[in-house]
Amino acid sequence: MSKASTTLAAIVVAALALTGCSGTEDGATSASPAANDQQEKAATEPAEVATDEDAMHGHPLGTRTEPLEAGETAPLGRVWDVTLVSTEQATDEPGHEYAPDDVRTPADGQERLIATFEFTHAGQPDESEAPQKYMTTAFVGASGRTYQAGFEALPEDRKHFGDIGDLYGGATDSGEEATVVPADEIDGGAWRIEYHDPAASEPLAAHFSAKPTTD
């Protein structure tokens, strides 16, 4: 074999060796462009951090089966923060004078529940709205049956939340809601407050435990 042929063969062997080796100096193989992109994306995306509220409920508005407890606050849209202050059984107190007889005076096996809610306007200082303008309430019993709630079931000396006037951003006021339901619907029942935001396609619903906090 000629000297030129030997030199050419050596060049070919060296070239094949270089193309067949894709490793780095320390022996690790290099990552593909797609893998590099995924690594860069993971490095730049913030990690999700669970809040105490998420850990307790998994839902900031509560659900029928996992409602918020007294003292907890539900953010209803950008306007309202609603807090359940307490729930009491007040069967011995008569309902409103305009209430039907079975609501004014609960029958045997029924109970009058009265909930006190606190409403905070979370909007701007120059924005105003009354809580009852776009809110509706109901009681969902342990069986899943829904019962009407309203001022008729509330004793006349109590303040229904519908009597709260306009609140401006940052202002807070409280009011009550009441219902008359079978006693066996209370344990496992929940108060439901819906906010019918005119700018939203569906209402937001918050659920609060109906477990009495006062007798």
N, C-alpha and C. Protein backbone atom coordinates (compact mmCIF):
# COMPACT_ATOMS: atom_id res chain seq x y z
N MET A 1 0.85 -1.18 0.00
CA MET A 1 0.00 0.00 0.00
C MET A 1 0.89 1.23 0.00
N SER A 2 0.49 2.24 -0.78
CA SER A 2 1.29 3.45 -0.87
C SER A 2 1.11 4.29 0.37
N LYS A 3 2.08 5.21 0.54
CA LYS A 3 2.02 6.10 1.69
C LYS A 3 0.76 6.96 1.67
N ALA A 4 0.34 7.42 0.48
CA ALA A 4 -0.87 8.25 0.35
C ALA A 4 -2.11 7.47 0.75
N SER A 5 -2.18 6.19 0.37
CA SER A 5 -3.34 5.36 0.71
C SER A 5 -3.43 5.16 2.21
N THR A 6 -2.26 4.94 2.84
CA THR A 6 -2.24 4.74 4.30
C THR A 6 -2.73 5.99 5.03
N THR A 7 -2.29 7.14 4.56
CA THR A 7 -2.72 8.40 5.18
C THR A 7 -4.21 8.61 5.03
N LEU A 8 -4.77 8.32 3.84
CA LEU A 8 -6.20 8.47 3.59
C LEU A 8 -7.02 7.56 4.48
N ALA A 9 -6.56 6.34 4.65
CA ALA A 9 -7.28 5.37 5.50
C ALA A 9 -7.32 5.86 6.93
N ALA A 10 -6.20 6.42 7.40
CA ALA A 10 -6.16 6.91 8.78
C ALA A 10 -7.13 8.06 8.99
N ILE A 11 -7.26 8.92 7.98
CA ILE A 11 -8.18 10.04 8.07
C ILE A 11 -9.63 9.56 8.16
N VAL A 12 -9.98 8.55 7.36
CA VAL A 12 -11.34 8.00 7.35
C VAL A 12 -11.68 7.39 8.70
N VAL A 13 -10.76 6.63 9.28
CA VAL A 13 -11.00 5.98 10.57
C VAL A 13 -11.22 7.04 11.66
N ALA A 14 -10.41 8.08 11.62
CA ALA A 14 -10.55 9.14 12.63
C ALA A 14 -11.89 9.84 12.51
N ALA A 15 -12.33 10.07 11.29
CA ALA A 15 -13.62 10.73 11.06
C ALA A 15 -14.77 9.88 11.57
N LEU A 16 -14.71 8.56 11.31
CA LEU A 16 -15.77 7.66 11.78
C LEU A 16 -15.82 7.63 13.30
N ALA A 17 -14.68 7.68 13.92
CA ALA A 17 -14.63 7.65 15.38
C ALA A 17 -15.27 8.90 15.97
N LEU A 18 -15.03 10.05 15.35
CA LEU A 18 -15.60 11.29 15.83
C LEU A 18 -17.11 11.33 15.69
N THR A 19 -17.62 10.86 14.53
CA THR A 19 -19.07 10.91 14.29
C THR A 19 -19.80 9.89 15.14
N GLY A 20 -19.17 8.81 15.53
CA GLY A 20 -19.85 7.79 16.32
C GLY A 20 -19.88 8.10 17.80
N CYS A 21 -19.17 9.10 18.24
CA CYS A 21 -19.11 9.43 19.66
C CYS A 21 -19.84 10.74 19.91
N SER A 22 -20.98 10.67 20.63
CA SER A 22 -21.74 11.88 20.94
C SER A 22 -21.65 12.23 22.40
N GLY A 23 -20.79 11.56 23.15
CA GLY A 23 -20.69 11.79 24.59
C GLY A 23 -19.85 13.01 24.89
N THR A 24 -20.00 13.46 26.13
CA THR A 24 -19.20 14.58 26.62
C THR A 24 -17.92 14.04 27.19
N GLU A 25 -17.04 14.92 27.65
CA GLU A 25 -15.74 14.51 28.13
C GLU A 25 -15.84 13.59 29.32
N ASP A 26 -16.88 13.74 30.17
CA ASP A 26 -16.97 12.89 31.35
C ASP A 26 -17.76 11.62 31.08
N GLY A 27 -18.08 11.37 29.82
CA GLY A 27 -18.74 10.12 29.44
C GLY A 27 -20.24 10.21 29.39
N ALA A 28 -20.86 11.31 29.80
CA ALA A 28 -22.31 11.44 29.76
C ALA A 28 -22.75 11.83 28.37
N THR A 29 -23.88 11.28 27.93
CA THR A 29 -24.41 11.61 26.60
C THR A 29 -25.09 12.96 26.66
N SER A 30 -25.04 13.70 25.57
CA SER A 30 -25.65 15.02 25.52
C SER A 30 -27.15 14.91 25.34
N ALA A 31 -27.93 15.83 25.93
CA ALA A 31 -29.38 15.80 25.82
C ALA A 31 -29.82 16.33 24.47
N SER A 32 -31.02 15.84 24.03
CA SER A 32 -31.57 16.29 22.76
C SER A 32 -32.11 17.70 22.92
N PRO A 33 -32.31 18.43 21.82
CA PRO A 33 -32.87 19.79 21.91
C PRO A 33 -34.22 19.81 22.62
N ALA A 34 -35.09 18.78 22.39
CA ALA A 34 -36.40 18.74 23.03
C ALA A 34 -36.26 18.60 24.53
N ALA A 35 -35.33 17.76 24.97
CA ALA A 35 -35.11 17.58 26.41
C ALA A 35 -34.60 18.86 27.04
N ASN A 36 -33.72 19.56 26.32
CA ASN A 36 -33.20 20.82 26.84
C ASN A 36 -34.31 21.84 27.03
N ASP A 37 -35.25 21.88 26.03
CA ASP A 37 -36.37 22.81 26.11
C ASP A 37 -37.23 22.52 27.34
N GLN A 38 -37.50 21.22 27.62
CA GLN A 38 -38.32 20.85 28.76
C GLN A 38 -37.64 21.22 30.07
N GLN A 39 -36.32 21.03 30.13
CA GLN A 39 -35.59 21.37 31.34
C GLN A 39 -35.62 22.87 31.59
N GLU A 40 -35.44 23.67 30.51
CA GLU A 40 -35.47 25.12 30.66
C GLU A 40 -36.85 25.59 31.10
N LYS A 41 -37.93 24.97 30.56
CA LYS A 41 -39.29 25.35 30.92
C LYS A 41 -39.56 25.04 32.39
N ALA A 42 -39.11 23.87 32.83
CA ALA A 42 -39.32 23.49 34.23
C ALA A 42 -38.57 24.42 35.17
N ALA A 43 -37.42 24.89 34.73
CA ALA A 43 -36.61 25.76 35.59
C ALA A 43 -37.21 27.15 35.72
N THR A 44 -37.91 27.60 34.67
CA THR A 44 -38.46 28.96 34.68
C THR A 44 -39.87 29.02 35.25
N GLU A 45 -40.63 27.90 35.26
CA GLU A 45 -41.99 27.91 35.77
C GLU A 45 -41.97 27.87 37.30
N PRO A 46 -42.77 28.73 37.98
CA PRO A 46 -42.80 28.72 39.45
C PRO A 46 -43.48 27.47 39.97
N ALA A 47 -42.98 26.95 41.04
CA ALA A 47 -43.57 25.75 41.64
C ALA A 47 -44.87 26.11 42.33
N GLU A 48 -45.87 25.22 42.28
CA GLU A 48 -47.14 25.45 42.93
C GLU A 48 -46.99 25.19 44.43
N VAL A 49 -47.48 26.14 45.20
CA VAL A 49 -47.39 26.02 46.65
C VAL A 49 -48.80 25.92 47.21
N ALA A 50 -49.09 24.87 47.98
CA ALA A 50 -50.41 24.68 48.55
C ALA A 50 -50.62 25.64 49.71
N THR A 51 -51.78 26.30 49.73
CA THR A 51 -52.10 27.22 50.82
C THR A 51 -52.80 26.44 51.93
N ASP A 52 -52.92 27.08 53.10
CA ASP A 52 -53.63 26.44 54.20
C ASP A 52 -55.07 26.16 53.82
N GLU A 53 -55.68 27.10 53.07
CA GLU A 53 -57.06 26.95 52.67
C GLU A 53 -57.21 25.74 51.75
N ASP A 54 -56.29 25.60 50.79
CA ASP A 54 -56.34 24.45 49.89
C ASP A 54 -56.18 23.16 50.68
N ALA A 55 -55.30 23.17 51.66
CA ALA A 55 -55.07 21.97 52.44
C ALA A 55 -56.31 21.57 53.23
N MET A 56 -57.08 22.58 53.69
CA MET A 56 -58.26 22.27 54.48
C MET A 56 -59.42 21.82 53.63
N HIS A 57 -59.64 22.48 52.50
CA HIS A 57 -60.85 22.23 51.73
C HIS A 57 -60.61 21.80 50.28
N GLY A 58 -59.59 22.32 49.66
CA GLY A 58 -59.41 22.07 48.25
C GLY A 58 -60.31 22.95 47.40
N HIS A 59 -61.12 23.78 48.05
CA HIS A 59 -62.02 24.67 47.31
C HIS A 59 -62.28 25.89 48.17
N PRO A 60 -61.93 27.10 47.69
CA PRO A 60 -62.06 28.30 48.52
C PRO A 60 -63.50 28.68 48.85
N LEU A 61 -64.48 28.15 48.10
CA LEU A 61 -65.88 28.47 48.37
C LEU A 61 -66.58 27.37 49.16
N GLY A 62 -65.87 26.28 49.44
CA GLY A 62 -66.50 25.16 50.10
C GLY A 62 -67.42 24.42 49.13
N THR A 63 -67.87 23.25 49.53
CA THR A 63 -68.82 22.46 48.73
C THR A 63 -69.92 21.98 49.67
N ARG A 64 -70.96 21.38 49.09
CA ARG A 64 -72.06 20.90 49.94
C ARG A 64 -71.57 19.84 50.92
N THR A 65 -70.69 18.97 50.47
CA THR A 65 -70.21 17.89 51.34
C THR A 65 -69.00 18.30 52.17
N GLU A 66 -68.30 19.37 51.76
CA GLU A 66 -67.16 19.89 52.53
C GLU A 66 -67.30 21.41 52.65
N PRO A 67 -68.29 21.84 53.42
CA PRO A 67 -68.54 23.29 53.52
C PRO A 67 -67.50 24.00 54.38
N LEU A 68 -67.44 25.32 54.21
CA LEU A 68 -66.61 26.14 55.08
C LEU A 68 -67.22 26.17 56.47
N GLU A 69 -66.38 26.36 57.47
CA GLU A 69 -66.85 26.42 58.85
C GLU A 69 -67.09 27.86 59.27
N ALA A 70 -67.75 28.03 60.40
CA ALA A 70 -67.95 29.37 60.96
C ALA A 70 -66.60 30.05 61.17
N GLY A 71 -66.52 31.31 60.79
CA GLY A 71 -65.28 32.05 60.89
C GLY A 71 -64.46 32.06 59.63
N GLU A 72 -64.82 31.21 58.66
CA GLU A 72 -64.09 31.18 57.39
C GLU A 72 -64.79 32.06 56.36
N THR A 73 -64.00 32.54 55.40
CA THR A 73 -64.48 33.52 54.43
C THR A 73 -64.44 32.97 53.02
N ALA A 74 -65.51 33.22 52.28
CA ALA A 74 -65.60 32.81 50.87
C ALA A 74 -65.50 34.04 49.99
N PRO A 75 -64.56 34.07 49.03
CA PRO A 75 -64.48 35.19 48.09
C PRO A 75 -65.47 34.98 46.94
N LEU A 76 -66.53 35.77 46.92
CA LEU A 76 -67.54 35.64 45.87
C LEU A 76 -67.29 36.68 44.79
N GLY A 77 -66.55 36.28 43.77
CA GLY A 77 -66.22 37.19 42.70
C GLY A 77 -65.22 38.23 43.17
N ARG A 78 -65.14 39.33 42.42
CA ARG A 78 -64.18 40.40 42.77
C ARG A 78 -64.79 41.39 43.74
N VAL A 79 -66.09 41.24 44.05
CA VAL A 79 -66.77 42.25 44.85
C VAL A 79 -66.90 41.87 46.33
N TRP A 80 -67.23 40.61 46.64
CA TRP A 80 -67.62 40.28 48.00
C TRP A 80 -66.75 39.23 48.67
N ASP A 81 -66.50 39.47 49.97
CA ASP A 81 -65.97 38.45 50.86
C ASP A 81 -67.06 38.17 51.89
N VAL A 82 -67.51 36.92 51.95
CA VAL A 82 -68.62 36.55 52.83
C VAL A 82 -68.12 35.59 53.90
N THR A 83 -68.43 35.90 55.16
CA THR A 83 -68.00 35.08 56.29
C THR A 83 -69.21 34.63 57.10
N LEU A 84 -69.28 33.33 57.41
CA LEU A 84 -70.30 32.84 58.33
C LEU A 84 -69.84 33.13 59.75
N VAL A 85 -70.61 33.92 60.48
CA VAL A 85 -70.27 34.25 61.86
C VAL A 85 -70.75 33.17 62.81
N SER A 86 -72.01 32.76 62.66
CA SER A 86 -72.57 31.75 63.57
C SER A 86 -73.86 31.18 62.99
N THR A 87 -74.26 30.03 63.53
CA THR A 87 -75.57 29.44 63.24
C THR A 87 -76.19 29.05 64.57
N GLU A 88 -77.45 29.40 64.76
CA GLU A 88 -78.12 29.05 66.01
C GLU A 88 -79.48 28.43 65.75
N GLN A 89 -79.92 27.60 66.68
CA GLN A 89 -81.27 27.07 66.65
C GLN A 89 -82.14 27.97 67.51
N ALA A 90 -83.22 28.46 66.94
CA ALA A 90 -84.09 29.40 67.64
C ALA A 90 -85.55 29.01 67.44
N THR A 91 -85.87 27.76 67.73
CA THR A 91 -87.21 27.24 67.49
C THR A 91 -88.26 27.96 68.32
N ASP A 92 -87.88 28.41 69.51
CA ASP A 92 -88.85 29.03 70.41
C ASP A 92 -89.21 30.46 70.00
N GLU A 93 -88.42 31.06 69.12
CA GLU A 93 -88.72 32.42 68.68
C GLU A 93 -89.65 32.38 67.47
N PRO A 94 -90.74 33.12 67.47
CA PRO A 94 -91.65 33.11 66.33
C PRO A 94 -91.05 33.81 65.12
N GLY A 95 -91.48 33.38 63.94
CA GLY A 95 -91.03 34.02 62.71
C GLY A 95 -91.74 35.34 62.48
N HIS A 96 -91.50 35.89 61.30
CA HIS A 96 -92.09 37.18 60.95
C HIS A 96 -93.61 37.08 60.93
N GLU A 97 -94.27 38.19 61.24
CA GLU A 97 -95.73 38.18 61.29
C GLU A 97 -96.37 37.85 59.94
N TYR A 98 -95.64 38.08 58.86
CA TYR A 98 -96.17 37.79 57.54
C TYR A 98 -95.86 36.37 57.08
N ALA A 99 -95.17 35.61 57.93
CA ALA A 99 -94.78 34.25 57.55
C ALA A 99 -95.98 33.31 57.60
N PRO A 100 -95.97 32.28 56.76
CA PRO A 100 -96.99 31.24 56.88
C PRO A 100 -96.94 30.61 58.26
N ASP A 101 -98.04 30.01 58.69
CA ASP A 101 -98.13 29.45 60.04
C ASP A 101 -97.03 28.44 60.32
N ASP A 102 -96.71 27.59 59.31
CA ASP A 102 -95.72 26.54 59.57
C ASP A 102 -94.31 27.10 59.63
N VAL A 103 -94.12 28.32 59.15
CA VAL A 103 -92.81 28.97 59.24
C VAL A 103 -92.74 29.84 60.49
N ARG A 104 -93.85 30.49 60.80
CA ARG A 104 -93.88 31.34 62.00
C ARG A 104 -93.72 30.49 63.26
N THR A 105 -94.37 29.33 63.28
CA THR A 105 -94.27 28.41 64.41
C THR A 105 -93.91 27.03 63.89
N PRO A 106 -92.65 26.60 64.01
CA PRO A 106 -92.24 25.29 63.49
C PRO A 106 -93.05 24.15 64.11
N ALA A 107 -93.38 23.19 63.29
CA ALA A 107 -94.12 22.02 63.76
C ALA A 107 -93.20 21.08 64.52
N ASP A 108 -93.77 20.08 65.16
CA ASP A 108 -92.97 19.08 65.86
C ASP A 108 -92.00 18.41 64.88
N GLY A 109 -90.76 18.26 65.30
CA GLY A 109 -89.76 17.63 64.44
C GLY A 109 -89.05 18.61 63.52
N GLN A 110 -89.42 19.90 63.61
CA GLN A 110 -88.75 20.91 62.78
C GLN A 110 -88.00 21.90 63.67
N GLU A 111 -87.02 22.54 63.08
CA GLU A 111 -86.20 23.50 63.80
C GLU A 111 -86.04 24.78 62.97
N ARG A 112 -85.95 25.90 63.68
CA ARG A 112 -85.64 27.17 63.03
C ARG A 112 -84.13 27.41 63.18
N LEU A 113 -83.46 27.60 62.05
CA LEU A 113 -82.04 27.91 62.05
C LEU A 113 -81.84 29.36 61.63
N ILE A 114 -80.97 30.05 62.35
CA ILE A 114 -80.65 31.44 62.02
C ILE A 114 -79.14 31.55 61.86
N ALA A 115 -78.73 32.01 60.69
CA ALA A 115 -77.30 32.21 60.41
C ALA A 115 -76.99 33.70 60.36
N THR A 116 -75.86 34.07 60.93
CA THR A 116 -75.37 35.45 60.85
C THR A 116 -74.18 35.47 59.90
N PHE A 117 -74.28 36.32 58.88
CA PHE A 117 -73.22 36.44 57.89
C PHE A 117 -72.63 37.85 57.93
N GLU A 118 -71.35 37.92 57.63
CA GLU A 118 -70.66 39.21 57.51
C GLU A 118 -70.28 39.42 56.05
N PHE A 119 -70.59 40.59 55.53
CA PHE A 119 -70.34 40.92 54.13
C PHE A 119 -69.35 42.07 54.04
N THR A 120 -68.26 41.86 53.33
CA THR A 120 -67.25 42.90 53.12
C THR A 120 -67.13 43.20 51.63
N HIS A 121 -67.32 44.47 51.27
CA HIS A 121 -67.15 44.87 49.88
C HIS A 121 -65.66 44.94 49.58
N ALA A 122 -65.20 44.11 48.66
CA ALA A 122 -63.77 44.01 48.36
C ALA A 122 -63.35 44.82 47.14
N GLY A 123 -64.26 45.67 46.65
CA GLY A 123 -63.96 46.46 45.46
C GLY A 123 -63.25 47.76 45.78
N GLN A 124 -63.30 48.67 44.83
CA GLN A 124 -62.64 49.97 44.96
C GLN A 124 -63.45 50.90 45.87
N PRO A 125 -62.79 51.90 46.47
CA PRO A 125 -63.48 52.80 47.42
C PRO A 125 -64.69 53.53 46.83
N ASP A 126 -64.68 53.78 45.52
CA ASP A 126 -65.79 54.50 44.90
C ASP A 126 -66.86 53.58 44.32
N GLU A 127 -66.67 52.27 44.46
CA GLU A 127 -67.67 51.30 43.99
C GLU A 127 -68.61 50.95 45.14
N SER A 128 -69.89 50.74 44.82
CA SER A 128 -70.85 50.38 45.86
C SER A 128 -71.84 49.35 45.34
N GLU A 129 -72.35 48.56 46.29
CA GLU A 129 -73.35 47.55 45.95
C GLU A 129 -73.94 47.03 47.25
N ALA A 130 -75.20 46.66 47.23
CA ALA A 130 -75.83 46.04 48.39
C ALA A 130 -75.71 44.52 48.26
N PRO A 131 -75.46 43.81 49.34
CA PRO A 131 -75.26 42.36 49.24
C PRO A 131 -76.42 41.63 48.58
N GLN A 132 -77.65 42.03 48.90
CA GLN A 132 -78.81 41.29 48.39
C GLN A 132 -79.10 41.56 46.91
N LYS A 133 -78.40 42.52 46.30
CA LYS A 133 -78.70 42.88 44.92
C LYS A 133 -78.52 41.70 43.97
N TYR A 134 -77.44 40.95 44.15
CA TYR A 134 -77.19 39.83 43.27
C TYR A 134 -77.00 38.51 44.02
N MET A 135 -77.35 38.49 45.32
CA MET A 135 -77.17 37.27 46.11
C MET A 135 -78.49 36.59 46.42
N THR A 136 -78.49 35.26 46.41
CA THR A 136 -79.63 34.48 46.86
C THR A 136 -79.12 33.44 47.86
N THR A 137 -80.00 33.00 48.75
CA THR A 137 -79.60 32.05 49.78
C THR A 137 -80.55 30.86 49.81
N ALA A 138 -80.07 29.76 50.34
CA ALA A 138 -80.88 28.56 50.51
C ALA A 138 -80.21 27.68 51.55
N PHE A 139 -80.96 26.71 52.03
CA PHE A 139 -80.42 25.71 52.96
C PHE A 139 -80.49 24.36 52.25
N VAL A 140 -79.36 23.66 52.22
CA VAL A 140 -79.31 22.33 51.61
C VAL A 140 -79.20 21.31 52.73
N GLY A 141 -80.22 20.48 52.87
CA GLY A 141 -80.26 19.52 53.96
C GLY A 141 -79.30 18.35 53.76
N ALA A 142 -79.15 17.55 54.82
CA ALA A 142 -78.26 16.39 54.77
C ALA A 142 -78.68 15.41 53.68
N SER A 143 -79.98 15.38 53.36
CA SER A 143 -80.48 14.46 52.33
C SER A 143 -80.19 14.97 50.91
N GLY A 144 -79.76 16.23 50.80
CA GLY A 144 -79.55 16.83 49.48
C GLY A 144 -80.73 17.66 49.03
N ARG A 145 -81.79 17.67 49.80
CA ARG A 145 -82.97 18.48 49.47
C ARG A 145 -82.70 19.94 49.80
N THR A 146 -83.18 20.85 48.95
CA THR A 146 -82.97 22.28 49.15
C THR A 146 -84.22 22.92 49.76
N TYR A 147 -84.01 23.77 50.77
CA TYR A 147 -85.10 24.45 51.46
C TYR A 147 -84.95 25.95 51.29
N GLN A 148 -86.10 26.62 51.20
CA GLN A 148 -86.09 28.07 51.04
C GLN A 148 -85.63 28.73 52.33
N ALA A 149 -84.87 29.80 52.19
CA ALA A 149 -84.47 30.63 53.31
C ALA A 149 -84.91 32.05 53.02
N GLY A 150 -85.28 32.79 54.04
CA GLY A 150 -85.73 34.16 53.80
C GLY A 150 -86.14 34.87 55.06
N PHE A 151 -86.52 36.13 54.91
CA PHE A 151 -86.83 36.96 56.08
C PHE A 151 -88.06 36.45 56.81
N GLU A 152 -88.97 35.71 56.11
CA GLU A 152 -90.19 35.24 56.76
C GLU A 152 -89.90 34.34 57.95
N ALA A 153 -88.80 33.59 57.87
CA ALA A 153 -88.45 32.66 58.94
C ALA A 153 -87.66 33.34 60.05
N LEU A 154 -87.35 34.63 59.87
CA LEU A 154 -86.53 35.36 60.83
C LEU A 154 -87.43 36.12 61.82
N PRO A 155 -87.16 36.01 63.12
CA PRO A 155 -87.93 36.81 64.08
C PRO A 155 -87.85 38.30 63.74
N GLU A 156 -88.91 39.02 64.06
CA GLU A 156 -89.03 40.40 63.61
C GLU A 156 -87.99 41.33 64.20
N ASP A 157 -87.43 40.98 65.34
CA ASP A 157 -86.44 41.86 65.95
C ASP A 157 -85.03 41.61 65.40
N ARG A 158 -84.92 40.72 64.43
CA ARG A 158 -83.61 40.41 63.84
C ARG A 158 -83.42 41.22 62.55
N LYS A 159 -82.16 41.37 62.14
CA LYS A 159 -81.81 42.12 60.94
C LYS A 159 -81.52 41.17 59.79
N HIS A 160 -82.42 41.13 58.83
CA HIS A 160 -82.19 40.29 57.65
C HIS A 160 -81.09 40.90 56.79
N PHE A 161 -80.29 40.06 56.14
CA PHE A 161 -79.20 40.61 55.33
C PHE A 161 -79.72 41.46 54.18
N GLY A 162 -80.97 41.25 53.80
CA GLY A 162 -81.57 42.07 52.76
C GLY A 162 -81.80 43.51 53.18
N ASP A 163 -81.68 43.78 54.48
CA ASP A 163 -81.85 45.14 54.98
C ASP A 163 -80.55 45.92 54.99
N ILE A 164 -79.46 45.28 54.61
CA ILE A 164 -78.18 46.00 54.52
C ILE A 164 -78.20 46.91 53.31
N GLY A 165 -77.82 48.13 53.49
CA GLY A 165 -77.80 49.08 52.37
C GLY A 165 -76.54 48.92 51.54
N ASP A 166 -76.33 49.87 50.64
CA ASP A 166 -75.13 49.85 49.80
C ASP A 166 -73.87 49.94 50.65
N LEU A 167 -72.90 49.11 50.31
CA LEU A 167 -71.59 49.17 50.95
C LEU A 167 -70.57 49.58 49.90
N TYR A 168 -69.66 50.47 50.29
CA TYR A 168 -68.57 50.87 49.39
C TYR A 168 -67.34 50.02 49.68
N GLY A 169 -66.40 50.07 48.74
CA GLY A 169 -65.19 49.26 48.85
C GLY A 169 -64.52 49.41 50.21
N GLY A 170 -64.29 48.27 50.89
CA GLY A 170 -63.65 48.27 52.20
C GLY A 170 -64.63 48.25 53.36
N ALA A 171 -65.92 48.51 53.11
CA ALA A 171 -66.92 48.55 54.18
C ALA A 171 -67.44 47.15 54.49
N THR A 172 -67.86 46.95 55.74
CA THR A 172 -68.36 45.66 56.21
C THR A 172 -69.64 45.85 57.00
N ASP A 173 -70.59 44.93 56.82
CA ASP A 173 -71.81 44.92 57.63
C ASP A 173 -72.27 43.48 57.75
N SER A 174 -73.14 43.23 58.70
CA SER A 174 -73.62 41.87 58.93
C SER A 174 -75.14 41.83 58.91
N GLY A 175 -75.66 40.67 58.61
CA GLY A 175 -77.09 40.45 58.58
C GLY A 175 -77.37 38.98 58.75
N GLU A 176 -78.64 38.63 58.90
CA GLU A 176 -79.00 37.24 59.21
C GLU A 176 -79.90 36.65 58.14
N GLU A 177 -79.92 35.32 58.13
CA GLU A 177 -80.79 34.56 57.24
C GLU A 177 -81.36 33.42 58.06
N ALA A 178 -82.56 32.96 57.70
CA ALA A 178 -83.21 31.94 58.51
C ALA A 178 -84.00 30.96 57.63
N THR A 179 -84.25 29.79 58.20
CA THR A 179 -85.04 28.78 57.54
C THR A 179 -85.66 27.87 58.59
N VAL A 180 -86.71 27.16 58.22
CA VAL A 180 -87.32 26.15 59.08
C VAL A 180 -87.23 24.82 58.35
N VAL A 181 -86.56 23.85 58.97
CA VAL A 181 -86.28 22.58 58.30
C VAL A 181 -86.49 21.42 59.27
N PRO A 182 -86.67 20.20 58.76
CA PRO A 182 -86.73 19.03 59.64
C PRO A 182 -85.43 18.90 60.44
N ALA A 183 -85.55 18.51 61.68
CA ALA A 183 -84.39 18.42 62.56
C ALA A 183 -83.33 17.48 62.03
N ASP A 184 -83.74 16.42 61.34
CA ASP A 184 -82.76 15.44 60.85
C ASP A 184 -82.03 15.89 59.59
N GLU A 185 -82.34 17.09 59.12
CA GLU A 185 -81.64 17.63 57.96
C GLU A 185 -80.48 18.54 58.36
N ILE A 186 -80.38 18.86 59.65
CA ILE A 186 -79.40 19.86 60.09
C ILE A 186 -77.98 19.30 60.09
N ASP A 187 -77.79 18.15 60.74
CA ASP A 187 -76.46 17.55 60.81
C ASP A 187 -76.05 17.07 59.42
N GLY A 188 -75.06 17.72 58.83
CA GLY A 188 -74.67 17.42 57.45
C GLY A 188 -75.26 18.39 56.45
N GLY A 189 -76.05 19.35 56.94
CA GLY A 189 -76.63 20.35 56.04
C GLY A 189 -75.68 21.52 55.82
N ALA A 190 -76.05 22.41 54.91
CA ALA A 190 -75.16 23.54 54.59
C ALA A 190 -75.99 24.73 54.12
N TRP A 191 -75.49 25.92 54.47
CA TRP A 191 -76.03 27.15 53.90
C TRP A 191 -75.38 27.37 52.53
N ARG A 192 -76.18 27.76 51.55
CA ARG A 192 -75.65 28.07 50.23
C ARG A 192 -75.95 29.52 49.89
N ILE A 193 -74.90 30.26 49.55
CA ILE A 193 -75.07 31.64 49.08
C ILE A 193 -74.55 31.72 47.65
N GLU A 194 -75.41 32.16 46.76
CA GLU A 194 -75.02 32.30 45.35
C GLU A 194 -74.92 33.78 44.99
N TYR A 195 -73.86 34.11 44.27
CA TYR A 195 -73.68 35.46 43.78
C TYR A 195 -73.85 35.45 42.27
N HIS A 196 -74.88 36.14 41.81
CA HIS A 196 -75.21 36.17 40.38
C HIS A 196 -74.56 37.39 39.74
N ASP A 197 -73.28 37.28 39.49
CA ASP A 197 -72.51 38.38 38.90
C ASP A 197 -73.03 38.63 37.48
N PRO A 198 -73.51 39.83 37.17
CA PRO A 198 -74.04 40.10 35.83
C PRO A 198 -72.98 39.96 34.74
N ALA A 199 -71.70 40.04 35.11
CA ALA A 199 -70.63 39.92 34.12
C ALA A 199 -70.19 38.47 33.91
N ALA A 200 -70.76 37.54 34.68
CA ALA A 200 -70.36 36.12 34.58
C ALA A 200 -71.48 35.31 33.95
N SER A 201 -71.10 34.20 33.34
CA SER A 201 -72.09 33.34 32.68
C SER A 201 -72.85 32.47 33.68
N GLU A 202 -72.22 32.14 34.82
CA GLU A 202 -72.86 31.30 35.82
C GLU A 202 -72.62 31.89 37.21
N PRO A 203 -73.54 31.67 38.14
CA PRO A 203 -73.35 32.21 39.49
C PRO A 203 -72.25 31.45 40.25
N LEU A 204 -71.64 32.14 41.21
CA LEU A 204 -70.70 31.51 42.12
C LEU A 204 -71.47 31.09 43.36
N ALA A 205 -71.20 29.89 43.86
CA ALA A 205 -71.91 29.38 45.03
C ALA A 205 -70.94 29.04 46.15
N ALA A 206 -71.16 29.62 47.31
CA ALA A 206 -70.38 29.30 48.50
C ALA A 206 -71.23 28.45 49.44
N HIS A 207 -70.61 27.49 50.11
CA HIS A 207 -71.31 26.63 51.04
C HIS A 207 -70.67 26.74 52.42
N PHE A 208 -71.53 26.90 53.43
CA PHE A 208 -71.07 27.01 54.82
C PHE A 208 -71.78 25.97 55.67
N SER A 209 -71.07 25.43 56.62
CA SER A 209 -71.64 24.42 57.50
C SER A 209 -72.83 24.98 58.26
N ALA A 210 -73.89 24.18 58.38
CA ALA A 210 -75.08 24.59 59.12
C ALA A 210 -75.07 24.06 60.55
N LYS A 211 -73.96 23.49 60.97
CA LYS A 211 -73.85 22.98 62.33
C LYS A 211 -73.99 24.14 63.31
N PRO A 212 -74.96 24.07 64.22
CA PRO A 212 -75.15 25.18 65.16
C PRO A 212 -73.90 25.47 65.98
N THR A 213 -73.56 26.74 66.06
CA THR A 213 -72.41 27.17 66.86
C THR A 213 -72.86 27.77 68.18
N THR A 214 -74.16 28.12 68.27
CA THR A 214 -74.75 28.61 69.51
C THR A 214 -76.12 27.97 69.67
N ASP A 215 -76.55 27.81 70.91
CA ASP A 215 -77.88 27.21 71.18
C ASP A 215 -78.95 28.28 71.23
